[in-house]
Amino acid sequence: MVFHKYVDSIFQNFCLMNTNIGKSLEIIFMQYYLNIHNFHPNTFMNLAKFFAQLLYSDSISWNIFSTVRLTLNETTYSSRKYCD
């Protein structure tokens, strides 16, 4: 899977048109973060880029980070890499 920046632009526009899409993407982020250790490294790096662009453009709320726990006991290698 290759990261394409134009996909972020499309989702950014969808979020601006309909706030329910942004809320759905926030839920998806929270679900992905909890299961990120099951993904291939390239996949989770592309997911990180995707959600980073949506956060940068304020298409989704920064409250999604309430899911993120960065203690050594609560993380796996994959989830720590996702937060880099």
N, C-alpha and C. Protein backbone atom coordinates (compact mmCIF):
# COMPACT_ATOMS: atom_id res chain seq x y z
N MET A 1 0.84 -1.17 0.00
CA MET A 1 0.00 0.00 0.00
C MET A 1 0.88 1.24 0.00
N VAL A 2 0.62 2.15 -0.89
CA VAL A 2 1.40 3.37 -1.03
C VAL A 2 0.56 4.54 -0.54
N PHE A 3 1.21 5.45 0.16
CA PHE A 3 0.54 6.64 0.67
C PHE A 3 0.37 7.66 -0.46
N HIS A 4 -0.87 8.08 -0.68
CA HIS A 4 -1.17 9.11 -1.68
C HIS A 4 -1.78 10.31 -0.98
N LYS A 5 -1.13 11.44 -1.11
CA LYS A 5 -1.57 12.64 -0.42
C LYS A 5 -2.94 13.13 -0.91
N TYR A 6 -3.29 12.86 -2.15
CA TYR A 6 -4.58 13.33 -2.65
C TYR A 6 -5.75 12.66 -1.94
N VAL A 7 -5.55 11.46 -1.40
CA VAL A 7 -6.61 10.80 -0.65
C VAL A 7 -6.92 11.61 0.61
N ASP A 8 -5.88 12.13 1.26
CA ASP A 8 -6.08 12.98 2.44
C ASP A 8 -6.88 14.22 2.08
N SER A 9 -6.58 14.81 0.93
CA SER A 9 -7.31 16.00 0.51
C SER A 9 -8.79 15.70 0.28
N ILE A 10 -9.06 14.54 -0.28
CA ILE A 10 -10.45 14.14 -0.50
C ILE A 10 -11.17 13.97 0.83
N PHE A 11 -10.54 13.25 1.77
CA PHE A 11 -11.17 13.05 3.08
C PHE A 11 -11.28 14.36 3.85
N GLN A 12 -10.31 15.24 3.68
CA GLN A 12 -10.38 16.55 4.33
C GLN A 12 -11.60 17.31 3.84
N ASN A 13 -11.85 17.29 2.56
CA ASN A 13 -13.03 17.96 2.01
C ASN A 13 -14.32 17.31 2.48
N PHE A 14 -14.34 15.99 2.55
CA PHE A 14 -15.52 15.29 3.07
C PHE A 14 -15.80 15.69 4.50
N CYS A 15 -14.74 15.81 5.31
CA CYS A 15 -14.91 16.20 6.72
C CYS A 15 -15.46 17.62 6.83
N LEU A 16 -15.04 18.49 5.94
CA LEU A 16 -15.54 19.86 5.96
C LEU A 16 -17.01 19.93 5.54
N MET A 17 -17.41 19.03 4.64
CA MET A 17 -18.80 19.02 4.19
C MET A 17 -19.74 18.37 5.20
N ASN A 18 -19.25 17.36 5.90
CA ASN A 18 -20.10 16.62 6.81
C ASN A 18 -19.31 16.25 8.07
N THR A 19 -19.69 16.77 9.21
CA THR A 19 -18.95 16.52 10.45
C THR A 19 -19.06 15.07 10.90
N ASN A 20 -20.08 14.36 10.45
CA ASN A 20 -20.21 12.95 10.83
C ASN A 20 -19.08 12.10 10.26
N ILE A 21 -18.56 12.49 9.12
CA ILE A 21 -17.43 11.77 8.53
C ILE A 21 -16.20 11.94 9.41
N GLY A 22 -15.98 13.16 9.90
CA GLY A 22 -14.85 13.40 10.81
C GLY A 22 -14.98 12.60 12.09
N LYS A 23 -16.18 12.54 12.63
CA LYS A 23 -16.40 11.77 13.86
C LYS A 23 -16.17 10.28 13.61
N SER A 24 -16.57 9.81 12.44
CA SER A 24 -16.35 8.40 12.09
C SER A 24 -14.85 8.11 11.95
N LEU A 25 -14.11 9.03 11.36
CA LEU A 25 -12.67 8.85 11.23
C LEU A 25 -11.98 8.87 12.60
N GLU A 26 -12.50 9.65 13.52
CA GLU A 26 -11.95 9.64 14.88
C GLU A 26 -12.14 8.28 15.54
N ILE A 27 -13.30 7.69 15.36
CA ILE A 27 -13.57 6.36 15.91
C ILE A 27 -12.66 5.32 15.24
N ILE A 28 -12.48 5.46 13.94
CA ILE A 28 -11.60 4.54 13.22
C ILE A 28 -10.18 4.65 13.74
N PHE A 29 -9.71 5.88 13.99
CA PHE A 29 -8.36 6.06 14.54
C PHE A 29 -8.23 5.32 15.86
N MET A 30 -9.20 5.48 16.73
CA MET A 30 -9.14 4.85 18.05
C MET A 30 -9.12 3.33 17.93
N GLN A 31 -9.88 2.78 17.00
CA GLN A 31 -9.88 1.33 16.80
C GLN A 31 -8.55 0.87 16.22
N TYR A 32 -8.01 1.60 15.25
CA TYR A 32 -6.72 1.24 14.67
C TYR A 32 -5.61 1.32 15.71
N TYR A 33 -5.62 2.33 16.53
CA TYR A 33 -4.56 2.47 17.52
C TYR A 33 -4.54 1.29 18.49
N LEU A 34 -5.71 0.83 18.88
CA LEU A 34 -5.77 -0.29 19.82
C LEU A 34 -5.30 -1.60 19.19
N ASN A 35 -5.35 -1.71 17.86
CA ASN A 35 -4.97 -2.94 17.18
C ASN A 35 -3.76 -2.76 16.26
N ILE A 36 -3.00 -1.70 16.44
CA ILE A 36 -1.93 -1.38 15.51
C ILE A 36 -0.83 -2.43 15.49
N HIS A 37 -0.66 -3.16 16.58
CA HIS A 37 0.40 -4.17 16.64
C HIS A 37 0.14 -5.33 15.67
N ASN A 38 -1.07 -5.45 15.13
CA ASN A 38 -1.40 -6.51 14.17
C ASN A 38 -1.09 -6.15 12.73
N PHE A 39 -0.73 -4.90 12.46
CA PHE A 39 -0.52 -4.43 11.09
C PHE A 39 0.93 -4.55 10.66
N HIS A 40 1.13 -4.64 9.36
CA HIS A 40 2.46 -4.62 8.77
C HIS A 40 3.04 -3.21 8.96
N PRO A 41 4.35 -3.10 9.17
CA PRO A 41 4.95 -1.77 9.42
C PRO A 41 4.63 -0.72 8.36
N ASN A 42 4.62 -1.10 7.08
CA ASN A 42 4.29 -0.12 6.04
C ASN A 42 2.85 0.36 6.15
N THR A 43 1.98 -0.55 6.54
CA THR A 43 0.57 -0.18 6.68
C THR A 43 0.39 0.82 7.79
N PHE A 44 1.00 0.57 8.96
CA PHE A 44 0.76 1.52 10.04
C PHE A 44 1.50 2.83 9.84
N MET A 45 2.57 2.85 9.07
CA MET A 45 3.20 4.13 8.74
C MET A 45 2.30 4.94 7.80
N ASN A 46 1.66 4.28 6.87
CA ASN A 46 0.72 4.98 5.98
C ASN A 46 -0.50 5.47 6.74
N LEU A 47 -0.98 4.68 7.69
CA LEU A 47 -2.09 5.14 8.52
C LEU A 47 -1.69 6.35 9.35
N ALA A 48 -0.48 6.32 9.88
CA ALA A 48 0.01 7.46 10.67
C ALA A 48 0.08 8.72 9.81
N LYS A 49 0.56 8.60 8.59
CA LYS A 49 0.63 9.75 7.69
C LYS A 49 -0.77 10.28 7.36
N PHE A 50 -1.69 9.35 7.14
CA PHE A 50 -3.06 9.72 6.81
C PHE A 50 -3.69 10.51 7.94
N PHE A 51 -3.62 9.97 9.17
CA PHE A 51 -4.24 10.66 10.29
C PHE A 51 -3.48 11.92 10.69
N ALA A 52 -2.17 11.94 10.48
CA ALA A 52 -1.40 13.16 10.76
C ALA A 52 -1.85 14.30 9.87
N GLN A 53 -2.08 14.02 8.60
CA GLN A 53 -2.55 15.06 7.68
C GLN A 53 -3.93 15.55 8.07
N LEU A 54 -4.81 14.63 8.48
CA LEU A 54 -6.15 15.04 8.90
C LEU A 54 -6.09 15.88 10.18
N LEU A 55 -5.18 15.55 11.09
CA LEU A 55 -5.02 16.35 12.29
C LEU A 55 -4.44 17.73 11.95
N TYR A 56 -3.45 17.74 11.08
CA TYR A 56 -2.82 19.00 10.68
C TYR A 56 -3.82 19.97 10.06
N SER A 57 -4.74 19.44 9.28
CA SER A 57 -5.72 20.28 8.62
C SER A 57 -6.96 20.53 9.49
N ASP A 58 -6.94 20.06 10.73
CA ASP A 58 -8.07 20.19 11.66
C ASP A 58 -9.35 19.57 11.13
N SER A 59 -9.20 18.52 10.34
CA SER A 59 -10.37 17.80 9.83
C SER A 59 -10.95 16.87 10.88
N ILE A 60 -10.09 16.41 11.79
CA ILE A 60 -10.55 15.59 12.91
C ILE A 60 -10.03 16.24 14.20
N SER A 61 -10.68 15.90 15.28
CA SER A 61 -10.37 16.52 16.57
C SER A 61 -9.11 15.92 17.19
N TRP A 62 -8.38 16.76 17.90
CA TRP A 62 -7.19 16.30 18.60
C TRP A 62 -7.54 15.48 19.84
N ASN A 63 -8.81 15.39 20.17
CA ASN A 63 -9.24 14.58 21.31
C ASN A 63 -9.03 13.09 21.09
N ILE A 64 -8.69 12.69 19.87
CA ILE A 64 -8.44 11.27 19.62
C ILE A 64 -7.25 10.76 20.41
N PHE A 65 -6.39 11.67 20.85
CA PHE A 65 -5.22 11.25 21.61
C PHE A 65 -5.55 10.84 23.04
N SER A 66 -6.82 10.93 23.42
CA SER A 66 -7.21 10.41 24.73
C SER A 66 -7.06 8.89 24.77
N THR A 67 -7.02 8.25 23.61
CA THR A 67 -6.84 6.80 23.52
C THR A 67 -5.38 6.41 23.71
N VAL A 68 -4.47 7.29 23.37
CA VAL A 68 -3.05 6.97 23.35
C VAL A 68 -2.47 6.95 24.75
N ARG A 69 -1.83 5.85 25.08
CA ARG A 69 -1.12 5.70 26.35
C ARG A 69 0.33 5.37 26.00
N LEU A 70 1.25 6.17 26.49
CA LEU A 70 2.65 6.01 26.10
C LEU A 70 3.55 5.50 27.22
N THR A 71 3.00 4.73 28.13
CA THR A 71 3.85 4.12 29.14
C THR A 71 4.43 2.83 28.59
N LEU A 72 5.58 2.45 29.08
CA LEU A 72 6.25 1.25 28.59
C LEU A 72 5.42 0.00 28.84
N ASN A 73 4.70 -0.05 29.93
CA ASN A 73 3.90 -1.24 30.26
C ASN A 73 2.65 -1.38 29.40
N GLU A 74 2.14 -0.28 28.87
CA GLU A 74 0.89 -0.32 28.13
C GLU A 74 1.07 -0.30 26.62
N THR A 75 2.29 -0.27 26.14
CA THR A 75 2.51 -0.18 24.70
C THR A 75 3.28 -1.39 24.18
N THR A 76 3.16 -1.60 22.90
CA THR A 76 3.97 -2.57 22.18
C THR A 76 4.93 -1.80 21.30
N TYR A 77 5.87 -2.49 20.71
CA TYR A 77 6.80 -1.82 19.82
C TYR A 77 6.05 -1.12 18.68
N SER A 78 5.07 -1.80 18.11
CA SER A 78 4.32 -1.24 16.98
C SER A 78 3.58 0.02 17.37
N SER A 79 2.93 0.03 18.51
CA SER A 79 2.17 1.22 18.89
C SER A 79 3.09 2.37 19.24
N ARG A 80 4.28 2.08 19.77
CA ARG A 80 5.23 3.17 20.03
C ARG A 80 5.74 3.73 18.72
N LYS A 81 5.96 2.90 17.73
CA LYS A 81 6.42 3.35 16.42
C LYS A 81 5.35 4.20 15.74
N TYR A 82 4.09 3.85 15.94
CA TYR A 82 2.96 4.58 15.35
C TYR A 82 2.94 6.01 15.86
N CYS A 83 3.39 6.24 17.08
CA CYS A 83 3.36 7.58 17.68
C CYS A 83 4.59 8.40 17.35
N ASP A 84 5.58 7.82 16.71
CA ASP A 84 6.79 8.59 16.38
C ASP A 84 6.52 9.66 15.38
